[in-house]
């Protein structure tokens, strides 16, 4: 990997204009030198390697003699999926925990591992499960991924998915949004060559944090431990087993979706205990709003989704109190 970084740096120093095609040619050239069964190099691995080296092996990094200007060129070249933040705003999508829904929309699936209208095999849903549907964990893990792909994350649009937002208890709604803002406010390390912070620690795998772990990563570790102590797993087989009986009854028409939700997520452990910790006050939310005004990752958009029948003056006022800037609505065809 270092040989590829060195070649790229040499070419940039020589004044070459490198683009995605040129980078691909460099990767292909180095991959041809590998044994047939050896793991091949890919673009998505280059920036994480560079960032890890700078953080964990500073002497090795200094030997590359990288100036701030050269580093900025390198990070820009190694950026993965650049269109994700082409507008200057990075999007982070999070999903609320499974919960009852007051609607009976025909098109909605009844996957009991997910909030209504979502399926557990969707990428965003899988990320949410791995993070125990915790808003703080979802934001920190996604923020880290975006930074490792080279994206600027100083302006963030938060998209909250999960069926009908206004059907969740208000204390949960306040807590969820508070934790979204808290996660962005806690993030602090800098991404080289940019004005954007970088989460340099691995918060995806429990036990992988060093003694110098940043505050938000340490907080993430404690949260993961809390969910494990409660008995909640993110392993697929465990999640399937947890919902298996109710899922069969719902599929057979012997139990409604909402009845199953109550059984699984309100009256049964571990979610019954977890729910006791998922509440916050408007004062706590306001503090995080104020913190975010000067944070390195500022929220410029907050999107929630609901049903048209719940667009009332009271709910809209509450959504504005939470900080929502946009509401997505699901509608059924008029020709059913």
C-alpha atoms as a PDB file:
ATOM      1  CA  UNK A   1       0.000   0.000   0.000  1.00  0.00           C
ATOM      2  CA  UNK A   2       2.844   2.384   0.842  1.00  0.00           C
ATOM      3  CA  UNK A   3       4.380   1.965  -2.599  1.00  0.00           C
ATOM      4  CA  UNK A   4       1.136   3.156  -4.198  1.00  0.00           C
ATOM      5  CA  UNK A   5       0.945   6.202  -1.927  1.00  0.00           C
ATOM      6  CA  UNK A   6       4.596   6.993  -2.684  1.00  0.00           C
ATOM      7  CA  UNK A   7       4.044   6.786  -6.438  1.00  0.00           C
ATOM      8  CA  UNK A   8       0.996   9.038  -6.237  1.00  0.00           C
ATOM      9  CA  UNK A   9       2.922  11.586  -4.160  1.00  0.00           C
ATOM     10  CA  UNK A  10       5.862  11.543  -6.579  1.00  0.00           C
ATOM     11  CA  UNK A  11       3.560  12.186  -9.519  1.00  0.00           C
ATOM     12  CA  UNK A  12       1.766  14.993  -7.721  1.00  0.00           C
ATOM     13  CA  UNK A  13       5.099  16.606  -6.826  1.00  0.00           C
ATOM     14  CA  UNK A  14       6.082  16.381 -10.483  1.00  0.00           C
ATOM     15  CA  UNK A  15       3.006  18.397 -11.370  1.00  0.00           C
ATOM     16  CA  UNK A  16       0.984  15.604 -12.981  1.00  0.00           C
ATOM     17  CA  UNK A  17      -2.777  16.082 -13.161  1.00  0.00           C
ATOM     18  CA  UNK A  18      -4.086  12.860 -11.656  1.00  0.00           C
ATOM     19  CA  UNK A  19      -7.755  11.922 -11.903  1.00  0.00           C
ATOM     20  CA  UNK A  20      -9.817   8.811 -11.150  1.00  0.00           C
ATOM     21  CA  UNK A  21      -8.707   7.099 -14.366  1.00  0.00           C
ATOM     22  CA  UNK A  22      -5.042   7.770 -13.640  1.00  0.00           C
ATOM     23  CA  UNK A  23      -5.468   6.402 -10.120  1.00  0.00           C
ATOM     24  CA  UNK A  24      -7.109   3.268 -11.511  1.00  0.00           C
ATOM     25  CA  UNK A  25      -4.156   2.734 -13.859  1.00  0.00           C
ATOM     26  CA  UNK A  26      -1.752   3.026 -10.932  1.00  0.00           C
ATOM     27  CA  UNK A  27      -3.760   0.486  -8.937  1.00  0.00           C
ATOM     28  CA  UNK A  28      -3.964  -1.921 -11.868  1.00  0.00           C
ATOM     29  CA  UNK A  29      -0.219  -1.678 -12.422  1.00  0.00           C
ATOM     30  CA  UNK A  30       0.507  -2.554  -8.793  1.00  0.00           C
ATOM     31  CA  UNK A  31      -2.090  -5.330  -8.731  1.00  0.00           C
ATOM     32  CA  UNK A  32      -0.421  -6.997 -11.731  1.00  0.00           C
ATOM     33  CA  UNK A  33       2.701  -7.453  -9.634  1.00  0.00           C
ATOM     34  CA  UNK A  34       0.842  -9.411  -6.955  1.00  0.00           C
ATOM     35  CA  UNK A  35       0.486 -13.168  -6.729  1.00  0.00           C
ATOM     36  CA  UNK A  36      -2.751 -14.510  -8.164  1.00  0.00           C
ATOM     37  CA  UNK A  37      -4.217 -15.327  -4.733  1.00  0.00           C
ATOM     38  CA  UNK A  38      -2.991 -12.205  -2.944  1.00  0.00           C
ATOM     39  CA  UNK A  39      -5.535  -9.558  -1.886  1.00  0.00           C
ATOM     40  CA  UNK A  40      -5.662  -6.786  -4.460  1.00  0.00           C
ATOM     41  CA  UNK A  41      -5.358  -3.081  -3.800  1.00  0.00           C
ATOM     42  CA  UNK A  42      -8.423  -0.885  -4.170  1.00  0.00           C
ATOM     43  CA  UNK A  43      -9.130   2.828  -3.992  1.00  0.00           C
ATOM     44  CA  UNK A  44     -11.313   2.548  -0.899  1.00  0.00           C
ATOM     45  CA  UNK A  45      -8.372   1.188   1.115  1.00  0.00           C
ATOM     46  CA  UNK A  46      -5.898   3.947   0.277  1.00  0.00           C
ATOM     47  CA  UNK A  47      -7.219   6.864   2.317  1.00  0.00           C
ATOM     48  CA  UNK A  48      -7.843   4.802   5.490  1.00  0.00           C
ATOM     49  CA  UNK A  49      -4.262   3.473   5.163  1.00  0.00           C
ATOM     50  CA  UNK A  50      -2.892   6.982   4.802  1.00  0.00           C
ATOM     51  CA  UNK A  51      -4.877   8.287   7.784  1.00  0.00           C
ATOM     52  CA  UNK A  52      -3.902   5.349   9.999  1.00  0.00           C
ATOM     53  CA  UNK A  53      -0.251   5.820   9.127  1.00  0.00           C
ATOM     54  CA  UNK A  54      -0.317   9.514   9.981  1.00  0.00           C
ATOM     55  CA  UNK A  55      -2.034   8.849  13.287  1.00  0.00           C
ATOM     56  CA  UNK A  56      -0.308   5.692  14.469  1.00  0.00           C
ATOM     57  CA  UNK A  57       3.117   5.844  12.791  1.00  0.00           C
ATOM     58  CA  UNK A  58       4.081   9.544  12.630  1.00  0.00           C
ATOM     59  CA  UNK A  59       7.751   8.856  11.896  1.00  0.00           C
ATOM     60  CA  UNK A  60       6.852   6.808   8.856  1.00  0.00           C
ATOM     61  CA  UNK A  61       4.400   9.497   7.742  1.00  0.00           C
ATOM     62  CA  UNK A  62       7.012  12.257   8.176  1.00  0.00           C
ATOM     63  CA  UNK A  63       9.386  10.332   5.937  1.00  0.00           C
ATOM     64  CA  UNK A  64       6.954  10.946   3.074  1.00  0.00           C
ATOM     65  CA  UNK A  65       7.628  14.731   3.339  1.00  0.00           C
ATOM     66  CA  UNK A  66       4.044  15.777   2.708  1.00  0.00           C
ATOM     67  CA  UNK A  67       3.195  19.473   2.694  1.00  0.00           C
ATOM     68  CA  UNK A  68      -0.329  20.687   3.537  1.00  0.00           C
ATOM     69  CA  UNK A  69      -0.912  21.532  -0.130  1.00  0.00           C
ATOM     70  CA  UNK A  70       0.248  18.098  -1.256  1.00  0.00           C
ATOM     71  CA  UNK A  71      -1.875  16.423   1.394  1.00  0.00           C
ATOM     72  CA  UNK A  72      -4.945  18.289   0.200  1.00  0.00           C
ATOM     73  CA  UNK A  73      -4.325  17.079  -3.364  1.00  0.00           C
ATOM     74  CA  UNK A  74      -3.859  13.521  -2.138  1.00  0.00           C
ATOM     75  CA  UNK A  75      -7.032  13.463  -0.031  1.00  0.00           C
ATOM     76  CA  UNK A  76      -9.034  14.916  -2.916  1.00  0.00           C
ATOM     77  CA  UNK A  77      -7.726  12.253  -5.299  1.00  0.00           C
ATOM     78  CA  UNK A  78      -8.404   9.378  -2.900  1.00  0.00           C
ATOM     79  CA  UNK A  79     -11.930  10.513  -2.071  1.00  0.00           C
ATOM     80  CA  UNK A  80     -14.473   7.724  -2.566  1.00  0.00           C
ATOM     81  CA  UNK A  81     -17.904   8.435  -4.099  1.00  0.00           C
ATOM     82  CA  UNK A  82     -17.309  12.202  -4.404  1.00  0.00           C
ATOM     83  CA  UNK A  83     -20.880  12.982  -5.448  1.00  0.00           C
ATOM     84  CA  UNK A  84     -22.111  12.208  -1.939  1.00  0.00           C
ATOM     85  CA  UNK A  85     -20.879  15.585  -0.748  1.00  0.00           C
ATOM     86  CA  UNK A  86     -20.591  17.414  -4.074  1.00  0.00           C
ATOM     87  CA  UNK A  87     -23.108  20.014  -2.886  1.00  0.00           C
ATOM     88  CA  UNK A  88     -20.963  20.771   0.146  1.00  0.00           C
ATOM     89  CA  UNK A  89     -23.383  18.942   2.442  1.00  0.00           C
ATOM     90  CA  UNK A  90     -22.798  15.379   3.639  1.00  0.00           C
ATOM     91  CA  UNK A  91     -25.885  13.272   4.307  1.00  0.00           C
ATOM     92  CA  UNK A  92     -26.183  10.882   7.246  1.00  0.00           C
ATOM     93  CA  UNK A  93     -29.190   8.558   7.327  1.00  0.00           C
ATOM     94  CA  UNK A  94     -30.274   6.962  10.599  1.00  0.00           C
ATOM     95  CA  UNK A  95     -33.154   4.665  11.496  1.00  0.00           C
ATOM     96  CA  UNK A  96     -35.334   4.620  14.595  1.00  0.00           C
ATOM     97  CA  UNK A  97     -36.023   1.444  16.546  1.00  0.00           C
ATOM     98  CA  UNK A  98     -38.951  -0.818  15.527  1.00  0.00           C
ATOM     99  CA  UNK A  99     -42.228   0.575  16.833  1.00  0.00           C
ATOM    100  CA  UNK A 100     -45.988   0.603  16.402  1.00  0.00           C
ATOM    101  CA  UNK A 101     -47.478   2.491  13.456  1.00  0.00           C
ATOM    102  CA  UNK A 102     -50.942   4.041  13.384  1.00  0.00           C
ATOM    103  CA  UNK A 103     -51.263   3.536   9.642  1.00  0.00           C
ATOM    104  CA  UNK A 104     -52.384   0.502   7.668  1.00  0.00           C
ATOM    105  CA  UNK A 105     -50.746   1.270   4.333  1.00  0.00           C
ATOM    106  CA  UNK A 106     -51.058  -1.586   1.868  1.00  0.00           C
ATOM    107  CA  UNK A 107     -47.553  -1.233   0.479  1.00  0.00           C
ATOM    108  CA  UNK A 108     -45.771  -1.456   3.863  1.00  0.00           C
ATOM    109  CA  UNK A 109     -43.972  -4.719   4.651  1.00  0.00           C
ATOM    110  CA  UNK A 110     -44.254  -6.249   8.110  1.00  0.00           C
ATOM    111  CA  UNK A 111     -40.624  -7.039   8.910  1.00  0.00           C
ATOM    112  CA  UNK A 112     -40.636  -7.124  12.713  1.00  0.00           C
ATOM    113  CA  UNK A 113     -36.906  -6.493  12.920  1.00  0.00           C
ATOM    114  CA  UNK A 114     -37.470  -3.047  11.438  1.00  0.00           C
ATOM    115  CA  UNK A 115     -39.700  -0.002  11.774  1.00  0.00           C
ATOM    116  CA  UNK A 116     -42.707  -0.404   9.523  1.00  0.00           C
ATOM    117  CA  UNK A 117     -42.051   0.175   5.806  1.00  0.00           C
ATOM    118  CA  UNK A 118     -38.429  -1.029   5.988  1.00  0.00           C
ATOM    119  CA  UNK A 119     -36.747  -4.367   5.345  1.00  0.00           C
ATOM    120  CA  UNK A 120     -33.890  -5.834   7.349  1.00  0.00           C
ATOM    121  CA  UNK A 121     -31.776  -6.658   4.283  1.00  0.00           C
ATOM    122  CA  UNK A 122     -31.456  -3.005   3.208  1.00  0.00           C
ATOM    123  CA  UNK A 123     -27.941  -1.545   3.779  1.00  0.00           C
ATOM    124  CA  UNK A 124     -29.065   1.351   5.990  1.00  0.00           C
ATOM    125  CA  UNK A 125     -31.210  -1.041   8.034  1.00  0.00           C
ATOM    126  CA  UNK A 126     -28.313  -3.428   8.515  1.00  0.00           C
ATOM    127  CA  UNK A 127     -26.135  -0.557   9.719  1.00  0.00           C
ATOM    128  CA  UNK A 128     -28.863   0.442  12.167  1.00  0.00           C
ATOM    129  CA  UNK A 129     -29.084  -3.096  13.561  1.00  0.00           C
ATOM    130  CA  UNK A 130     -25.319  -3.273  13.994  1.00  0.00           C
ATOM    131  CA  UNK A 131     -25.577  -0.081  16.021  1.00  0.00           C
ATOM    132  CA  UNK A 132     -28.559  -1.249  18.109  1.00  0.00           C
ATOM    133  CA  UNK A 133     -30.700   1.484  16.480  1.00  0.00           C
ATOM    134  CA  UNK A 134     -28.844   3.924  18.728  1.00  0.00           C
ATOM    135  CA  UNK A 135     -28.738   7.404  17.123  1.00  0.00           C
ATOM    136  CA  UNK A 136     -25.349   8.294  18.617  1.00  0.00           C
ATOM    137  CA  UNK A 137     -23.738   5.091  17.379  1.00  0.00           C
ATOM    138  CA  UNK A 138     -25.291   5.395  13.928  1.00  0.00           C
ATOM    139  CA  UNK A 139     -24.000   8.940  13.477  1.00  0.00           C
ATOM    140  CA  UNK A 140     -20.476   8.279  14.745  1.00  0.00           C
ATOM    141  CA  UNK A 141     -20.025   5.156  12.619  1.00  0.00           C
ATOM    142  CA  UNK A 142     -21.389   6.852   9.501  1.00  0.00           C
ATOM    143  CA  UNK A 143     -19.368   9.998  10.119  1.00  0.00           C
ATOM    144  CA  UNK A 144     -16.244   7.915  10.406  1.00  0.00           C
ATOM    145  CA  UNK A 145     -17.040   6.134   7.131  1.00  0.00           C
ATOM    146  CA  UNK A 146     -17.605   9.419   5.301  1.00  0.00           C
ATOM    147  CA  UNK A 147     -14.351  10.861   6.584  1.00  0.00           C
ATOM    148  CA  UNK A 148     -12.411   7.755   5.613  1.00  0.00           C
ATOM    149  CA  UNK A 149     -13.798   8.164   2.106  1.00  0.00           C
ATOM    150  CA  UNK A 150     -12.418  11.697   2.057  1.00  0.00           C
ATOM    151  CA  UNK A 151     -15.647  13.659   2.353  1.00  0.00           C
ATOM    152  CA  UNK A 152     -15.958  17.059   3.956  1.00  0.00           C
ATOM    153  CA  UNK A 153     -18.354  16.733   6.883  1.00  0.00           C
ATOM    154  CA  UNK A 154     -18.533  20.237   8.282  1.00  0.00           C
ATOM    155  CA  UNK A 155     -22.124  20.566   7.013  1.00  0.00           C
ATOM    156  CA  UNK A 156     -24.461  17.665   7.733  1.00  0.00           C
ATOM    157  CA  UNK A 157     -27.998  16.833   6.689  1.00  0.00           C
ATOM    158  CA  UNK A 158     -29.556  14.261   9.011  1.00  0.00           C
ATOM    159  CA  UNK A 159     -32.257  12.041   7.525  1.00  0.00           C
ATOM    160  CA  UNK A 160     -34.298  10.134  10.100  1.00  0.00           C
ATOM    161  CA  UNK A 161     -36.100   7.111   8.690  1.00  0.00           C
ATOM    162  CA  UNK A 162     -38.367   4.711  10.511  1.00  0.00           C
ATOM    163  CA  UNK A 163     -41.957   4.761   9.436  1.00  0.00           C
ATOM    164  CA  UNK A 164     -44.180   7.315  11.135  1.00  0.00           C
ATOM    165  CA  UNK A 165     -42.043   9.591  13.284  1.00  0.00           C
ATOM    166  CA  UNK A 166     -44.932  11.174  15.174  1.00  0.00           C
ATOM    167  CA  UNK A 167     -46.177   7.751  16.354  1.00  0.00           C
ATOM    168  CA  UNK A 168     -43.130   7.378  18.614  1.00  0.00           C
ATOM    169  CA  UNK A 169     -43.402   8.583  22.230  1.00  0.00           C
ATOM    170  CA  UNK A 170     -42.399  12.225  22.478  1.00  0.00           C
ATOM    171  CA  UNK A 171     -39.759  11.474  25.099  1.00  0.00           C
ATOM    172  CA  UNK A 172     -38.154   9.064  22.614  1.00  0.00           C
ATOM    173  CA  UNK A 173     -38.350  11.632  19.815  1.00  0.00           C
ATOM    174  CA  UNK A 174     -36.586  14.221  21.968  1.00  0.00           C
ATOM    175  CA  UNK A 175     -33.950  11.702  23.058  1.00  0.00           C
ATOM    176  CA  UNK A 176     -33.302  10.490  19.530  1.00  0.00           C
ATOM    177  CA  UNK A 177     -32.729  13.981  18.114  1.00  0.00           C
ATOM    178  CA  UNK A 178     -30.696  15.016  21.158  1.00  0.00           C
ATOM    179  CA  UNK A 179     -28.343  12.082  20.626  1.00  0.00           C
ATOM    180  CA  UNK A 180     -27.973  12.857  16.911  1.00  0.00           C
ATOM    181  CA  UNK A 181     -26.782  16.353  17.762  1.00  0.00           C
ATOM    182  CA  UNK A 182     -24.661  15.104  20.666  1.00  0.00           C
ATOM    183  CA  UNK A 183     -22.786  12.695  18.396  1.00  0.00           C
ATOM    184  CA  UNK A 184     -21.908  15.474  15.957  1.00  0.00           C
ATOM    185  CA  UNK A 185     -20.975  17.851  18.759  1.00  0.00           C
ATOM    186  CA  UNK A 186     -18.683  15.309  20.427  1.00  0.00           C
ATOM    187  CA  UNK A 187     -16.693  14.612  17.265  1.00  0.00           C
ATOM    188  CA  UNK A 188     -13.484  16.601  17.186  1.00  0.00           C
ATOM    189  CA  UNK A 189     -10.326  15.292  15.495  1.00  0.00           C
ATOM    190  CA  UNK A 190      -9.217  16.887  12.239  1.00  0.00           C
ATOM    191  CA  UNK A 191      -9.132  15.299   8.801  1.00  0.00           C
ATOM    192  CA  UNK A 192      -5.793  16.233   7.153  1.00  0.00           C
ATOM    193  CA  UNK A 193      -5.878  18.731   4.363  1.00  0.00           C
ATOM    194  CA  UNK A 194      -9.445  19.763   5.179  1.00  0.00           C
ATOM    195  CA  UNK A 195     -11.332  21.861   7.674  1.00  0.00           C
ATOM    196  CA  UNK A 196     -13.411  18.820   8.569  1.00  0.00           C
ATOM    197  CA  UNK A 197     -12.958  16.662  11.713  1.00  0.00           C
ATOM    198  CA  UNK A 198     -11.934  13.049  11.475  1.00  0.00           C
ATOM    199  CA  UNK A 199     -12.962  10.126  13.655  1.00  0.00           C
ATOM    200  CA  UNK A 200      -9.690   8.287  13.583  1.00  0.00           C
ATOM    201  CA  UNK A 201     -10.630   5.391  15.828  1.00  0.00           C
ATOM    202  CA  UNK A 202     -12.426   2.193  14.964  1.00  0.00           C
ATOM    203  CA  UNK A 203     -15.787   2.405  16.700  1.00  0.00           C
ATOM    204  CA  UNK A 204     -17.327  -0.449  14.710  1.00  0.00           C
ATOM    205  CA  UNK A 205     -15.610  -3.286  16.544  1.00  0.00           C
ATOM    206  CA  UNK A 206     -15.947  -3.523  20.322  1.00  0.00           C
ATOM    207  CA  UNK A 207     -12.615  -3.667  22.123  1.00  0.00           C
ATOM    208  CA  UNK A 208     -10.649  -2.039  19.305  1.00  0.00           C
ATOM    209  CA  UNK A 209     -10.098   1.330  20.986  1.00  0.00           C
ATOM    210  CA  UNK A 210      -6.712   2.499  22.241  1.00  0.00           C
ATOM    211  CA  UNK A 211      -5.981   4.395  25.485  1.00  0.00           C
ATOM    212  CA  UNK A 212      -5.922   7.623  23.444  1.00  0.00           C
ATOM    213  CA  UNK A 213      -9.420   7.089  22.112  1.00  0.00           C
ATOM    214  CA  UNK A 214     -11.312  10.310  21.423  1.00  0.00           C
ATOM    215  CA  UNK A 215     -14.260  11.279  23.597  1.00  0.00           C
ATOM    216  CA  UNK A 216     -16.976  10.321  21.131  1.00  0.00           C
ATOM    217  CA  UNK A 217     -15.362   6.934  20.468  1.00  0.00           C
ATOM    218  CA  UNK A 218     -15.097   6.216  24.197  1.00  0.00           C
ATOM    219  CA  UNK A 219     -18.742   7.198  24.567  1.00  0.00           C
ATOM    220  CA  UNK A 220     -19.621   4.858  21.708  1.00  0.00           C
ATOM    221  CA  UNK A 221     -17.764   2.010  23.406  1.00  0.00           C
ATOM    222  CA  UNK A 222     -19.684   2.554  26.643  1.00  0.00           C
ATOM    223  CA  UNK A 223     -22.975   2.565  24.763  1.00  0.00           C
ATOM    224  CA  UNK A 224     -22.182  -0.687  22.997  1.00  0.00           C
ATOM    225  CA  UNK A 225     -21.303  -2.254  26.316  1.00  0.00           C
ATOM    226  CA  UNK A 226     -24.617  -1.050  27.775  1.00  0.00           C
ATOM    227  CA  UNK A 227     -26.603  -2.782  25.023  1.00  0.00           C
ATOM    228  CA  UNK A 228     -24.583  -5.971  25.387  1.00  0.00           C
ATOM    229  CA  UNK A 229     -25.092  -5.920  29.155  1.00  0.00           C
ATOM    230  CA  UNK A 230     -28.836  -5.619  28.547  1.00  0.00           C
ATOM    231  CA  UNK A 231     -28.666  -8.774  26.439  1.00  0.00           C
ATOM    232  CA  UNK A 232     -29.154  -7.180  23.017  1.00  0.00           C
ATOM    233  CA  UNK A 233     -27.292  -8.723  20.101  1.00  0.00           C
ATOM    234  CA  UNK A 234     -26.622  -7.417  16.608  1.00  0.00           C
ATOM    235  CA  UNK A 235     -25.910 -10.875  15.174  1.00  0.00           C
ATOM    236  CA  UNK A 236     -28.331 -11.829  12.411  1.00  0.00           C
ATOM    237  CA  UNK A 237     -29.212 -15.279  13.771  1.00  0.00           C
ATOM    238  CA  UNK A 238     -30.011 -13.831  17.199  1.00  0.00           C
ATOM    239  CA  UNK A 239     -32.196 -11.121  15.673  1.00  0.00           C
ATOM    240  CA  UNK A 240     -34.091 -13.626  13.541  1.00  0.00           C
ATOM    241  CA  UNK A 241     -34.670 -15.839  16.579  1.00  0.00           C
ATOM    242  CA  UNK A 242     -35.900 -12.882  18.650  1.00  0.00           C
ATOM    243  CA  UNK A 243     -38.725 -12.083  16.212  1.00  0.00           C
ATOM    244  CA  UNK A 244     -39.320 -15.549  14.748  1.00  0.00           C
ATOM    245  CA  UNK A 245     -42.491 -16.530  16.614  1.00  0.00           C
ATOM    246  CA  UNK A 246     -44.238 -13.171  16.228  1.00  0.00           C
ATOM    247  CA  UNK A 247     -43.148 -12.910  12.596  1.00  0.00           C
ATOM    248  CA  UNK A 248     -44.771 -16.259  11.816  1.00  0.00           C
ATOM    249  CA  UNK A 249     -48.011 -15.239  13.543  1.00  0.00           C
ATOM    250  CA  UNK A 250     -48.100 -11.915  11.680  1.00  0.00           C
ATOM    251  CA  UNK A 251     -47.441 -13.653   8.357  1.00  0.00           C
ATOM    252  CA  UNK A 252     -50.276 -16.095   9.109  1.00  0.00           C
ATOM    253  CA  UNK A 253     -52.657 -13.264   9.984  1.00  0.00           C
ATOM    254  CA  UNK A 254     -53.005 -14.402  13.602  1.00  0.00           C
ATOM    255  CA  UNK A 255     -51.337 -11.324  15.052  1.00  0.00           C
ATOM    256  CA  UNK A 256     -51.281  -7.716  13.900  1.00  0.00           C
ATOM    257  CA  UNK A 257     -48.073  -5.821  13.302  1.00  0.00           C
ATOM    258  CA  UNK A 258     -48.759  -3.467  16.200  1.00  0.00           C
ATOM    259  CA  UNK A 259     -49.563  -6.315  18.587  1.00  0.00           C
ATOM    260  CA  UNK A 260     -46.258  -7.918  17.681  1.00  0.00           C
ATOM    261  CA  UNK A 261     -44.435  -4.622  18.224  1.00  0.00           C
ATOM    262  CA  UNK A 262     -45.874  -4.339  21.732  1.00  0.00           C
ATOM    263  CA  UNK A 263     -44.850  -7.913  22.544  1.00  0.00           C
ATOM    264  CA  UNK A 264     -41.307  -7.512  21.248  1.00  0.00           C
ATOM    265  CA  UNK A 265     -40.309  -3.934  21.987  1.00  0.00           C
ATOM    266  CA  UNK A 266     -42.479  -2.744  24.892  1.00  0.00           C
ATOM    267  CA  UNK A 267     -43.113  -5.673  27.224  1.00  0.00           C
ATOM    268  CA  UNK A 268     -40.192  -8.015  26.479  1.00  0.00           C
ATOM    269  CA  UNK A 269     -36.569  -7.801  27.519  1.00  0.00           C
ATOM    270  CA  UNK A 270     -34.091  -6.477  26.597  1.00  0.00           C
ATOM    271  CA  UNK A 271     -36.000  -3.666  24.894  1.00  0.00           C
ATOM    272  CA  UNK A 272     -38.194  -3.022  27.930  1.00  0.00           C
ATOM    273  CA  UNK A 273     -35.134  -2.107  29.994  1.00  0.00           C
ATOM    274  CA  UNK A 274     -33.454  -0.240  27.152  1.00  0.00           C
ATOM    275  CA  UNK A 275     -36.536   1.931  26.623  1.00  0.00           C
ATOM    276  CA  UNK A 276     -36.253   3.209  30.196  1.00  0.00           C
ATOM    277  CA  UNK A 277     -33.027   4.968  29.187  1.00  0.00           C
ATOM    278  CA  UNK A 278     -34.295   6.390  25.900  1.00  0.00           C
ATOM    279  CA  UNK A 279     -35.736   9.694  26.990  1.00  0.00           C
ATOM    280  CA  UNK A 280     -34.532  13.286  27.255  1.00  0.00           C
ATOM    281  CA  UNK A 281     -35.896  16.731  28.028  1.00  0.00           C
ATOM    282  CA  UNK A 282     -36.311  19.709  25.733  1.00  0.00           C
ATOM    283  CA  UNK A 283     -33.716  21.541  27.847  1.00  0.00           C
ATOM    284  CA  UNK A 284     -31.167  18.826  27.047  1.00  0.00           C
ATOM    285  CA  UNK A 285     -32.036  19.083  23.372  1.00  0.00           C
ATOM    286  CA  UNK A 286     -31.686  22.862  23.450  1.00  0.00           C
ATOM    287  CA  UNK A 287     -28.207  22.561  24.973  1.00  0.00           C
ATOM    288  CA  UNK A 288     -27.105  20.318  22.116  1.00  0.00           C
ATOM    289  CA  UNK A 289     -28.669  22.714  19.599  1.00  0.00           C
ATOM    290  CA  UNK A 290     -26.622  25.559  21.081  1.00  0.00           C
ATOM    291  CA  UNK A 291     -23.441  23.450  21.144  1.00  0.00           C
ATOM    292  CA  UNK A 292     -23.942  22.647  17.490  1.00  0.00           C
ATOM    293  CA  UNK A 293     -23.907  26.314  16.515  1.00  0.00           C
ATOM    294  CA  UNK A 294     -20.124  26.303  16.995  1.00  0.00           C
ATOM    295  CA  UNK A 295     -19.449  22.617  16.344  1.00  0.00           C
ATOM    296  CA  UNK A 296     -17.119  21.275  13.689  1.00  0.00           C
ATOM    297  CA  UNK A 297     -20.011  19.236  12.243  1.00  0.00           C
ATOM    298  CA  UNK A 298     -22.952  21.614  11.945  1.00  0.00           C
ATOM    299  CA  UNK A 299     -26.452  20.397  11.149  1.00  0.00           C
ATOM    300  CA  UNK A 300     -27.881  22.297   8.181  1.00  0.00           C
ATOM    301  CA  UNK A 301     -30.859  19.998   7.626  1.00  0.00           C
ATOM    302  CA  UNK A 302     -32.947  17.579   9.679  1.00  0.00           C
ATOM    303  CA  UNK A 303     -35.470  15.394   7.866  1.00  0.00           C
ATOM    304  CA  UNK A 304     -38.146  13.165   9.415  1.00  0.00           C
ATOM    305  CA  UNK A 305     -40.943  11.180   7.804  1.00  0.00           C
ATOM    306  CA  UNK A 306     -44.573  10.796   8.759  1.00  0.00           C
ATOM    307  CA  UNK A 307     -48.057  10.218   7.359  1.00  0.00           C
ATOM    308  CA  UNK A 308     -50.241  13.005   5.928  1.00  0.00           C
ATOM    309  CA  UNK A 309     -52.867  12.394   8.613  1.00  0.00           C
ATOM    310  CA  UNK A 310     -50.367  13.456  11.276  1.00  0.00           C
ATOM    311  CA  UNK A 311     -49.521  16.796   9.697  1.00  0.00           C
ATOM    312  CA  UNK A 312     -51.248  18.908  12.325  1.00  0.00           C
ATOM    313  CA  UNK A 313     -50.353  22.347  13.721  1.00  0.00           C
ATOM    314  CA  UNK A 314     -49.387  20.736  17.023  1.00  0.00           C
ATOM    315  CA  UNK A 315     -47.093  18.151  15.429  1.00  0.00           C
ATOM    316  CA  UNK A 316     -45.529  20.686  13.077  1.00  0.00           C
ATOM    317  CA  UNK A 317     -44.789  23.022  15.975  1.00  0.00           C
ATOM    318  CA  UNK A 318     -43.150  20.162  17.850  1.00  0.00           C
ATOM    319  CA  UNK A 319     -41.099  19.177  14.786  1.00  0.00           C
ATOM    320  CA  UNK A 320     -39.784  22.725  14.542  1.00  0.00           C
ATOM    321  CA  UNK A 321     -38.901  22.588  18.233  1.00  0.00           C
ATOM    322  CA  UNK A 322     -36.858  19.468  17.513  1.00  0.00           C
ATOM    323  CA  UNK A 323     -35.090  21.325  14.721  1.00  0.00           C
ATOM    324  CA  UNK A 324     -36.676  19.624  11.721  1.00  0.00           C
ATOM    325  CA  UNK A 325     -36.285  21.468   8.427  1.00  0.00           C
ATOM    326  CA  UNK A 326     -38.067  19.019   6.151  1.00  0.00           C
ATOM    327  CA  UNK A 327     -40.835  16.416   6.418  1.00  0.00           C
ATOM    328  CA  UNK A 328     -41.125  13.425   4.089  1.00  0.00           C
ATOM    329  CA  UNK A 329     -44.587  11.930   3.659  1.00  0.00           C
ATOM    330  CA  UNK A 330     -45.639   8.532   2.407  1.00  0.00           C
ATOM    331  CA  UNK A 331     -48.851   8.467   0.387  1.00  0.00           C
ATOM    332  CA  UNK A 332     -50.849   5.644  -1.144  1.00  0.00           C
ATOM    333  CA  UNK A 333     -52.123   5.620  -4.694  1.00  0.00           C
ATOM    334  CA  UNK A 334     -55.522   7.229  -5.162  1.00  0.00           C
ATOM    335  CA  UNK A 335     -56.547   4.366  -7.481  1.00  0.00           C
ATOM    336  CA  UNK A 336     -56.449   1.424  -5.067  1.00  0.00           C
END
